[in-house]
Amino acid sequence: MRVVLLALSLIVADAAASAQDSSSTQFQKLYTEYLDACMKDWDAATHMTKEEWRRTCQRVANERAKFRAEQDEGDKPKQR
C-alpha cells in the first residue's frame, strides 16, 4: 500500500510540474477529482486488474487536468 501511495504521489508531483502556465494547486485539484471519479468506475468484472485500471486512470486524469488547466489559463484576461 505504501508503494502505491508513493508511486501515486510521485506521479501527481511529476504531472503537476509538467502542467505549463497553470497553477499547480488547480492542476492537483483537477487531477485528484478526475482520478477519484475514474477509480469509482472500476469493478471486478472489468477486463483490467485494479492496478491496470489505476494506471489508466492516472494517465487520463493527468491529460484531462493538464488540458483543463491550460484552457482555464487561456480564459483569463491578459495582464499588461
PDB file of N, CA and C in Angstrom:
ATOM      1  N   MET A   1       0.826  -1.190   0.000  1.00  0.00           N
ATOM      2  CA  MET A   1       0.000   0.000   0.000  1.00  0.00           C
ATOM      3  C   MET A   1       0.871   1.254   0.000  1.00  0.00           C
ATOM      4  N   ARG A   2       1.945   1.229   0.780  1.00  0.00           N
ATOM      5  CA  ARG A   2       2.845   2.382   0.820  1.00  0.00           C
ATOM      6  C   ARG A   2       3.468   2.638  -0.543  1.00  0.00           C
ATOM      7  N   VAL A   3       3.817   1.551  -1.238  1.00  0.00           N
ATOM      8  CA  VAL A   3       4.428   1.683  -2.553  1.00  0.00           C
ATOM      9  C   VAL A   3       3.450   2.347  -3.516  1.00  0.00           C
ATOM     10  N   VAL A   4       2.182   1.937  -3.473  1.00  0.00           N
ATOM     11  CA  VAL A   4       1.170   2.514  -4.348  1.00  0.00           C
ATOM     12  C   VAL A   4       0.995   3.993  -4.034  1.00  0.00           C
ATOM     13  N   LEU A   5       0.923   4.336  -2.760  1.00  0.00           N
ATOM     14  CA  LEU A   5       0.763   5.738  -2.374  1.00  0.00           C
ATOM     15  C   LEU A   5       1.973   6.563  -2.773  1.00  0.00           C
ATOM     16  N   LEU A   6       3.162   6.008  -2.601  1.00  0.00           N
ATOM     17  CA  LEU A   6       4.376   6.712  -3.000  1.00  0.00           C
ATOM     18  C   LEU A   6       4.395   6.909  -4.508  1.00  0.00           C
ATOM     19  N   ALA A   7       4.060   5.868  -5.253  1.00  0.00           N
ATOM     20  CA  ALA A   7       4.034   5.978  -6.712  1.00  0.00           C
ATOM     21  C   ALA A   7       3.016   7.017  -7.158  1.00  0.00           C
ATOM     22  N   LEU A   8       1.851   7.006  -6.546  1.00  0.00           N
ATOM     23  CA  LEU A   8       0.812   7.983  -6.879  1.00  0.00           C
ATOM     24  C   LEU A   8       1.292   9.391  -6.564  1.00  0.00           C
ATOM     25  N   SER A   9       1.937   9.566  -5.424  1.00  0.00           N
ATOM     26  CA  SER A   9       2.464  10.875  -5.051  1.00  0.00           C
ATOM     27  C   SER A   9       3.487  11.366  -6.066  1.00  0.00           C
ATOM     28  N   LEU A  10       4.354  10.465  -6.511  1.00  0.00           N
ATOM     29  CA  LEU A  10       5.369  10.847  -7.495  1.00  0.00           C
ATOM     30  C   LEU A  10       4.729  11.206  -8.832  1.00  0.00           C
ATOM     31  N   ILE A  11       3.724  10.458  -9.230  1.00  0.00           N
ATOM     32  CA  ILE A  11       3.043  10.735 -10.494  1.00  0.00           C
ATOM     33  C   ILE A  11       2.341  12.080 -10.430  1.00  0.00           C
ATOM     34  N   VAL A  12       1.661  12.335  -9.321  1.00  0.00           N
ATOM     35  CA  VAL A  12       0.968  13.612  -9.156  1.00  0.00           C
ATOM     36  C   VAL A  12       1.984  14.754  -9.174  1.00  0.00           C
ATOM     37  N   ALA A  13       3.093  14.575  -8.460  1.00  0.00           N
ATOM     38  CA  ALA A  13       4.119  15.616  -8.419  1.00  0.00           C
ATOM     39  C   ALA A  13       4.702  15.854  -9.806  1.00  0.00           C
ATOM     40  N   ASP A  14       4.976  14.788 -10.546  1.00  0.00           N
ATOM     41  CA  ASP A  14       5.520  14.913 -11.898  1.00  0.00           C
ATOM     42  C   ASP A  14       4.504  15.565 -12.821  1.00  0.00           C
ATOM     43  N   ALA A  15       3.260  15.157 -12.718  1.00  0.00           N
ATOM     44  CA  ALA A  15       2.215  15.720 -13.567  1.00  0.00           C
ATOM     45  C   ALA A  15       2.028  17.203 -13.270  1.00  0.00           C
ATOM     46  N   ALA A  16       2.060  17.570 -12.002  1.00  0.00           N
ATOM     47  CA  ALA A  16       1.896  18.976 -11.627  1.00  0.00           C
ATOM     48  C   ALA A  16       3.056  19.812 -12.154  1.00  0.00           C
ATOM     49  N   ALA A  17       4.254  19.273 -12.127  1.00  0.00           N
ATOM     50  CA  ALA A  17       5.425  20.002 -12.605  1.00  0.00           C
ATOM     51  C   ALA A  17       5.362  20.231 -14.104  1.00  0.00           C
ATOM     52  N   SER A  18       4.732  19.301 -14.839  1.00  0.00           N
ATOM     53  CA  SER A  18       4.686  19.418 -16.297  1.00  0.00           C
ATOM     54  C   SER A  18       3.518  20.263 -16.799  1.00  0.00           C
ATOM     55  N   ALA A  19       2.619  20.648 -15.935  1.00  0.00           N
ATOM     56  CA  ALA A  19       1.495  21.481 -16.361  1.00  0.00           C
ATOM     57  C   ALA A  19       1.988  22.906 -16.566  1.00  0.00           C
ATOM     58  N   GLN A  20       2.161  23.287 -17.829  1.00  0.00           N
ATOM     59  CA  GLN A  20       2.723  24.586 -18.137  1.00  0.00           C
ATOM     60  C   GLN A  20       1.670  25.671 -18.011  1.00  0.00           C
ATOM     61  N   ASP A  21       2.127  26.839 -17.545  1.00  0.00           N
ATOM     62  CA  ASP A  21       1.283  28.030 -17.445  1.00  0.00           C
ATOM     63  C   ASP A  21      -0.003  27.803 -16.651  1.00  0.00           C
ATOM     64  N   SER A  22       0.043  26.964 -15.648  1.00  0.00           N
ATOM     65  CA  SER A  22      -1.146  26.773 -14.826  1.00  0.00           C
ATOM     66  C   SER A  22      -0.736  26.652 -13.377  1.00  0.00           C
ATOM     67  N   SER A  23      -1.635  26.950 -12.528  1.00  0.00           N
ATOM     68  CA  SER A  23      -1.385  26.836 -11.101  1.00  0.00           C
ATOM     69  C   SER A  23      -1.307  25.372 -10.723  1.00  0.00           C
ATOM     70  N   SER A  24      -0.252  25.003  -9.995  1.00  0.00           N
ATOM     71  CA  SER A  24      -0.117  23.602  -9.598  1.00  0.00           C
ATOM     72  C   SER A  24      -1.233  23.208  -8.631  1.00  0.00           C
ATOM     73  N   THR A  25      -1.729  24.148  -7.862  1.00  0.00           N
ATOM     74  CA  THR A  25      -2.842  23.853  -6.959  1.00  0.00           C
ATOM     75  C   THR A  25      -4.089  23.500  -7.755  1.00  0.00           C
ATOM     76  N   GLN A  26      -4.376  24.268  -8.796  1.00  0.00           N
ATOM     77  CA  GLN A  26      -5.536  23.990  -9.643  1.00  0.00           C
ATOM     78  C   GLN A  26      -5.357  22.642 -10.337  1.00  0.00           C
ATOM     79  N   PHE A  27      -4.167  22.407 -10.853  1.00  0.00           N
ATOM     80  CA  PHE A  27      -3.888  21.151 -11.530  1.00  0.00           C
ATOM     81  C   PHE A  27      -4.079  19.977 -10.579  1.00  0.00           C
ATOM     82  N   GLN A  28      -3.524  20.072  -9.367  1.00  0.00           N
ATOM     83  CA  GLN A  28      -3.644  18.998  -8.371  1.00  0.00           C
ATOM     84  C   GLN A  28      -5.116  18.717  -8.072  1.00  0.00           C
ATOM     85  N   LYS A  29      -5.890  19.772  -7.903  1.00  0.00           N
ATOM     86  CA  LYS A  29      -7.319  19.606  -7.590  1.00  0.00           C
ATOM     87  C   LYS A  29      -8.043  18.883  -8.729  1.00  0.00           C
ATOM     88  N   LEU A  30      -7.805  19.326  -9.948  1.00  0.00           N
ATOM     89  CA  LEU A  30      -8.439  18.691 -11.105  1.00  0.00           C
ATOM     90  C   LEU A  30      -7.994  17.241 -11.250  1.00  0.00           C
ATOM     91  N   TYR A  31      -6.687  17.009 -11.111  1.00  0.00           N
ATOM     92  CA  TYR A  31      -6.143  15.658 -11.240  1.00  0.00           C
ATOM     93  C   TYR A  31      -6.798  14.722 -10.231  1.00  0.00           C
ATOM     94  N   THR A  32      -6.856  15.146  -8.981  1.00  0.00           N
ATOM     95  CA  THR A  32      -7.441  14.320  -7.920  1.00  0.00           C
ATOM     96  C   THR A  32      -8.917  14.052  -8.187  1.00  0.00           C
ATOM     97  N   GLU A  33      -9.623  15.074  -8.621  1.00  0.00           N
ATOM     98  CA  GLU A  33     -11.055  14.932  -8.929  1.00  0.00           C
ATOM     99  C   GLU A  33     -11.271  13.894 -10.035  1.00  0.00           C
ATOM    100  N   TYR A  34     -10.505  14.009 -11.118  1.00  0.00           N
ATOM    101  CA  TYR A  34     -10.648  13.073 -12.236  1.00  0.00           C
ATOM    102  C   TYR A  34     -10.210  11.657 -11.858  1.00  0.00           C
ATOM    103  N   LEU A  35      -9.125  11.551 -11.111  1.00  0.00           N
ATOM    104  CA  LEU A  35      -8.639  10.232 -10.700  1.00  0.00           C
ATOM    105  C   LEU A  35      -9.659   9.539  -9.802  1.00  0.00           C
ATOM    106  N   ASP A  36     -10.191  10.256  -8.833  1.00  0.00           N
ATOM    107  CA  ASP A  36     -11.191   9.672  -7.926  1.00  0.00           C
ATOM    108  C   ASP A  36     -12.431   9.204  -8.687  1.00  0.00           C
ATOM    109  N   ALA A  37     -12.910  10.033  -9.614  1.00  0.00           N
ATOM    110  CA  ALA A  37     -14.099   9.662 -10.391  1.00  0.00           C
ATOM    111  C   ALA A  37     -13.842   8.415 -11.223  1.00  0.00           C
ATOM    112  N   CYS A  38     -12.676   8.354 -11.831  1.00  0.00           N
ATOM    113  CA  CYS A  38     -12.324   7.199 -12.654  1.00  0.00           C
ATOM    114  C   CYS A  38     -12.223   5.928 -11.809  1.00  0.00           C
ATOM    115  N   MET A  39     -11.580   6.003 -10.669  1.00  0.00           N
ATOM    116  CA  MET A  39     -11.402   4.827  -9.816  1.00  0.00           C
ATOM    117  C   MET A  39     -12.736   4.298  -9.287  1.00  0.00           C
ATOM    118  N   LYS A  40     -13.715   5.164  -9.127  1.00  0.00           N
ATOM    119  CA  LYS A  40     -15.037   4.725  -8.660  1.00  0.00           C
ATOM    120  C   LYS A  40     -15.736   3.858  -9.700  1.00  0.00           C
ATOM    121  N   ASP A  41     -15.322   3.969 -10.953  1.00  0.00           N
ATOM    122  CA  ASP A  41     -15.955   3.193 -12.028  1.00  0.00           C
ATOM    123  C   ASP A  41     -15.428   1.770 -12.152  1.00  0.00           C
ATOM    124  N   TRP A  42     -14.336   1.459 -11.483  1.00  0.00           N
ATOM    125  CA  TRP A  42     -13.763   0.107 -11.584  1.00  0.00           C
ATOM    126  C   TRP A  42     -14.618  -0.888 -10.827  1.00  0.00           C
ATOM    127  N   ASP A  43     -14.757  -2.088 -11.377  1.00  0.00           N
ATOM    128  CA  ASP A  43     -15.312  -3.195 -10.600  1.00  0.00           C
ATOM    129  C   ASP A  43     -14.631  -4.482 -11.052  1.00  0.00           C
ATOM    130  N   ALA A  44     -14.796  -5.503 -10.279  1.00  0.00           N
ATOM    131  CA  ALA A  44     -14.070  -6.757 -10.501  1.00  0.00           C
ATOM    132  C   ALA A  44     -14.409  -7.421 -11.837  1.00  0.00           C
ATOM    133  N   ALA A  45     -15.525  -7.051 -12.453  1.00  0.00           N
ATOM    134  CA  ALA A  45     -15.934  -7.672 -13.707  1.00  0.00           C
ATOM    135  C   ALA A  45     -15.272  -7.029 -14.930  1.00  0.00           C
ATOM    136  N   THR A  46     -14.497  -5.981 -14.727  1.00  0.00           N
ATOM    137  CA  THR A  46     -13.834  -5.356 -15.870  1.00  0.00           C
ATOM    138  C   THR A  46     -12.741  -6.269 -16.399  1.00  0.00           C
ATOM    139  N   HIS A  47     -12.256  -5.969 -17.571  1.00  0.00           N
ATOM    140  CA  HIS A  47     -11.201  -6.765 -18.194  1.00  0.00           C
ATOM    141  C   HIS A  47      -9.811  -6.377 -17.697  1.00  0.00           C
ATOM    142  N   MET A  48      -9.746  -5.460 -16.724  1.00  0.00           N
ATOM    143  CA  MET A  48      -8.466  -4.982 -16.210  1.00  0.00           C
ATOM    144  C   MET A  48      -8.395  -5.222 -14.706  1.00  0.00           C
ATOM    145  N   THR A  49      -7.172  -5.456 -14.224  1.00  0.00           N
ATOM    146  CA  THR A  49      -7.000  -5.523 -12.773  1.00  0.00           C
ATOM    147  C   THR A  49      -7.157  -4.111 -12.219  1.00  0.00           C
ATOM    148  N   LYS A  50      -7.315  -4.011 -10.914  1.00  0.00           N
ATOM    149  CA  LYS A  50      -7.473  -2.690 -10.313  1.00  0.00           C
ATOM    150  C   LYS A  50      -6.211  -1.845 -10.518  1.00  0.00           C
ATOM    151  N   GLU A  51      -5.048  -2.470 -10.459  1.00  0.00           N
ATOM    152  CA  GLU A  51      -3.792  -1.731 -10.685  1.00  0.00           C
ATOM    153  C   GLU A  51      -3.683  -1.244 -12.137  1.00  0.00           C
ATOM    154  N   GLU A  52      -4.080  -2.081 -13.101  1.00  0.00           N
ATOM    155  CA  GLU A  52      -4.085  -1.652 -14.504  1.00  0.00           C
ATOM    156  C   GLU A  52      -5.057  -0.491 -14.698  1.00  0.00           C
ATOM    157  N   TRP A  53      -6.207  -0.612 -14.061  1.00  0.00           N
ATOM    158  CA  TRP A  53      -7.228   0.439 -14.133  1.00  0.00           C
ATOM    159  C   TRP A  53      -6.672   1.736 -13.540  1.00  0.00           C
ATOM    160  N   ARG A  54      -5.994   1.632 -12.398  1.00  0.00           N
ATOM    161  CA  ARG A  54      -5.424   2.813 -11.737  1.00  0.00           C
ATOM    162  C   ARG A  54      -4.411   3.514 -12.657  1.00  0.00           C
ATOM    163  N   ARG A  55      -3.540   2.729 -13.292  1.00  0.00           N
ATOM    164  CA  ARG A  55      -2.542   3.328 -14.189  1.00  0.00           C
ATOM    165  C   ARG A  55      -3.225   4.062 -15.345  1.00  0.00           C
ATOM    166  N   THR A  56      -4.271   3.464 -15.890  1.00  0.00           N
ATOM    167  CA  THR A  56      -5.012   4.112 -16.966  1.00  0.00           C
ATOM    168  C   THR A  56      -5.684   5.378 -16.454  1.00  0.00           C
ATOM    169  N   CYS A  57      -6.295   5.289 -15.287  1.00  0.00           N
ATOM    170  CA  CYS A  57      -6.944   6.460 -14.690  1.00  0.00           C
ATOM    171  C   CYS A  57      -5.938   7.578 -14.442  1.00  0.00           C
ATOM    172  N   GLN A  58      -4.756   7.232 -13.988  1.00  0.00           N
ATOM    173  CA  GLN A  58      -3.727   8.242 -13.728  1.00  0.00           C
ATOM    174  C   GLN A  58      -3.334   8.955 -15.021  1.00  0.00           C
ATOM    175  N   ARG A  59      -3.158   8.186 -16.081  1.00  0.00           N
ATOM    176  CA  ARG A  59      -2.791   8.785 -17.362  1.00  0.00           C
ATOM    177  C   ARG A  59      -3.894   9.706 -17.879  1.00  0.00           C
ATOM    178  N   VAL A  60      -5.125   9.223 -17.836  1.00  0.00           N
ATOM    179  CA  VAL A  60      -6.252  10.010 -18.338  1.00  0.00           C
ATOM    180  C   VAL A  60      -6.482  11.240 -17.461  1.00  0.00           C
ATOM    181  N   ALA A  61      -6.417  11.077 -16.147  1.00  0.00           N
ATOM    182  CA  ALA A  61      -6.602  12.210 -15.231  1.00  0.00           C
ATOM    183  C   ALA A  61      -5.539  13.271 -15.473  1.00  0.00           C
ATOM    184  N   ASN A  62      -4.310  12.846 -15.699  1.00  0.00           N
ATOM    185  CA  ASN A  62      -3.225  13.784 -15.982  1.00  0.00           C
ATOM    186  C   ASN A  62      -3.509  14.572 -17.258  1.00  0.00           C
ATOM    187  N   GLU A  63      -3.909  13.865 -18.316  1.00  0.00           N
ATOM    188  CA  GLU A  63      -4.187  14.524 -19.594  1.00  0.00           C
ATOM    189  C   GLU A  63      -5.366  15.489 -19.478  1.00  0.00           C
ATOM    190  N   ARG A  64      -6.431  15.062 -18.810  1.00  0.00           N
ATOM    191  CA  ARG A  64      -7.615  15.913 -18.657  1.00  0.00           C
ATOM    192  C   ARG A  64      -7.307  17.143 -17.813  1.00  0.00           C
ATOM    193  N   ALA A  65      -6.607  16.947 -16.695  1.00  0.00           N
ATOM    194  CA  ALA A  65      -6.296  18.067 -15.807  1.00  0.00           C
ATOM    195  C   ALA A  65      -5.370  19.057 -16.502  1.00  0.00           C
ATOM    196  N   LYS A  66      -4.395  18.558 -17.234  1.00  0.00           N
ATOM    197  CA  LYS A  66      -3.472  19.435 -17.951  1.00  0.00           C
ATOM    198  C   LYS A  66      -4.235  20.255 -18.992  1.00  0.00           C
ATOM    199  N   PHE A  67      -5.108  19.596 -19.751  1.00  0.00           N
ATOM    200  CA  PHE A  67      -5.904  20.289 -20.759  1.00  0.00           C
ATOM    201  C   PHE A  67      -6.777  21.371 -20.121  1.00  0.00           C
ATOM    202  N   ARG A  68      -7.499  20.991 -19.066  1.00  0.00           N
ATOM    203  CA  ARG A  68      -8.381  21.956 -18.396  1.00  0.00           C
ATOM    204  C   ARG A  68      -7.607  23.133 -17.829  1.00  0.00           C
ATOM    205  N   ALA A  69      -6.471  22.862 -17.199  1.00  0.00           N
ATOM    206  CA  ALA A  69      -5.668  23.935 -16.622  1.00  0.00           C
ATOM    207  C   ALA A  69      -5.178  24.883 -17.714  1.00  0.00           C
ATOM    208  N   GLU A  70      -4.771  24.329 -18.851  1.00  0.00           N
ATOM    209  CA  GLU A  70      -4.334  25.166 -19.965  1.00  0.00           C
ATOM    210  C   GLU A  70      -5.487  25.986 -20.521  1.00  0.00           C
ATOM    211  N   GLN A  71      -6.661  25.376 -20.639  1.00  0.00           N
ATOM    212  CA  GLN A  71      -7.834  26.094 -21.132  1.00  0.00           C
ATOM    213  C   GLN A  71      -8.230  27.210 -20.177  1.00  0.00           C
ATOM    214  N   ASP A  72      -8.241  26.898 -18.889  1.00  0.00           N
ATOM    215  CA  ASP A  72      -8.606  27.903 -17.891  1.00  0.00           C
ATOM    216  C   ASP A  72      -7.613  29.053 -17.887  1.00  0.00           C
ATOM    217  N   GLU A  73      -6.340  28.751 -18.082  1.00  0.00           N
ATOM    218  CA  GLU A  73      -5.300  29.786 -18.145  1.00  0.00           C
ATOM    219  C   GLU A  73      -5.531  30.682 -19.344  1.00  0.00           C
ATOM    220  N   GLY A  74      -5.943  30.103 -20.464  1.00  0.00           N
ATOM    221  CA  GLY A  74      -6.207  30.875 -21.677  1.00  0.00           C
ATOM    222  C   GLY A  74      -7.432  31.758 -21.571  1.00  0.00           C
ATOM    223  N   ASP A  75      -8.357  31.416 -20.669  1.00  0.00           N
ATOM    224  CA  ASP A  75      -9.583  32.195 -20.493  1.00  0.00           C
ATOM    225  C   ASP A  75      -9.374  33.430 -19.632  1.00  0.00           C
ATOM    226  N   LYS A  76      -8.258  33.490 -18.903  1.00  0.00           N
ATOM    227  CA  LYS A  76      -8.009  34.641 -18.024  1.00  0.00           C
ATOM    228  C   LYS A  76      -7.642  35.858 -18.857  1.00  0.00           C
ATOM    229  N   PRO A  77      -8.080  37.041 -18.415  1.00  0.00           N
ATOM    230  CA  PRO A  77      -7.692  38.254 -19.127  1.00  0.00           C
ATOM    231  C   PRO A  77      -6.186  38.449 -19.085  1.00  0.00           C
ATOM    232  N   LYS A  78      -5.636  38.921 -20.183  1.00  0.00           N
ATOM    233  CA  LYS A  78      -4.188  39.148 -20.251  1.00  0.00           C
ATOM    234  C   LYS A  78      -3.839  40.418 -19.490  1.00  0.00           C
ATOM    235  N   GLN A  79      -2.768  40.342 -18.718  1.00  0.00           N
ATOM    236  CA  GLN A  79      -2.305  41.494 -17.959  1.00  0.00           C
ATOM    237  C   GLN A  79      -1.170  42.167 -18.711  1.00  0.00           C
ATOM    238  N   ARG A  80      -1.123  43.470 -18.629  1.00  0.00           N
ATOM    239  CA  ARG A  80      -0.053  44.211 -19.307  1.00  0.00           C
ATOM    240  C   ARG A  80       0.937  44.714 -18.316  1.00  0.00           C
TER     241      ARG A  80
END
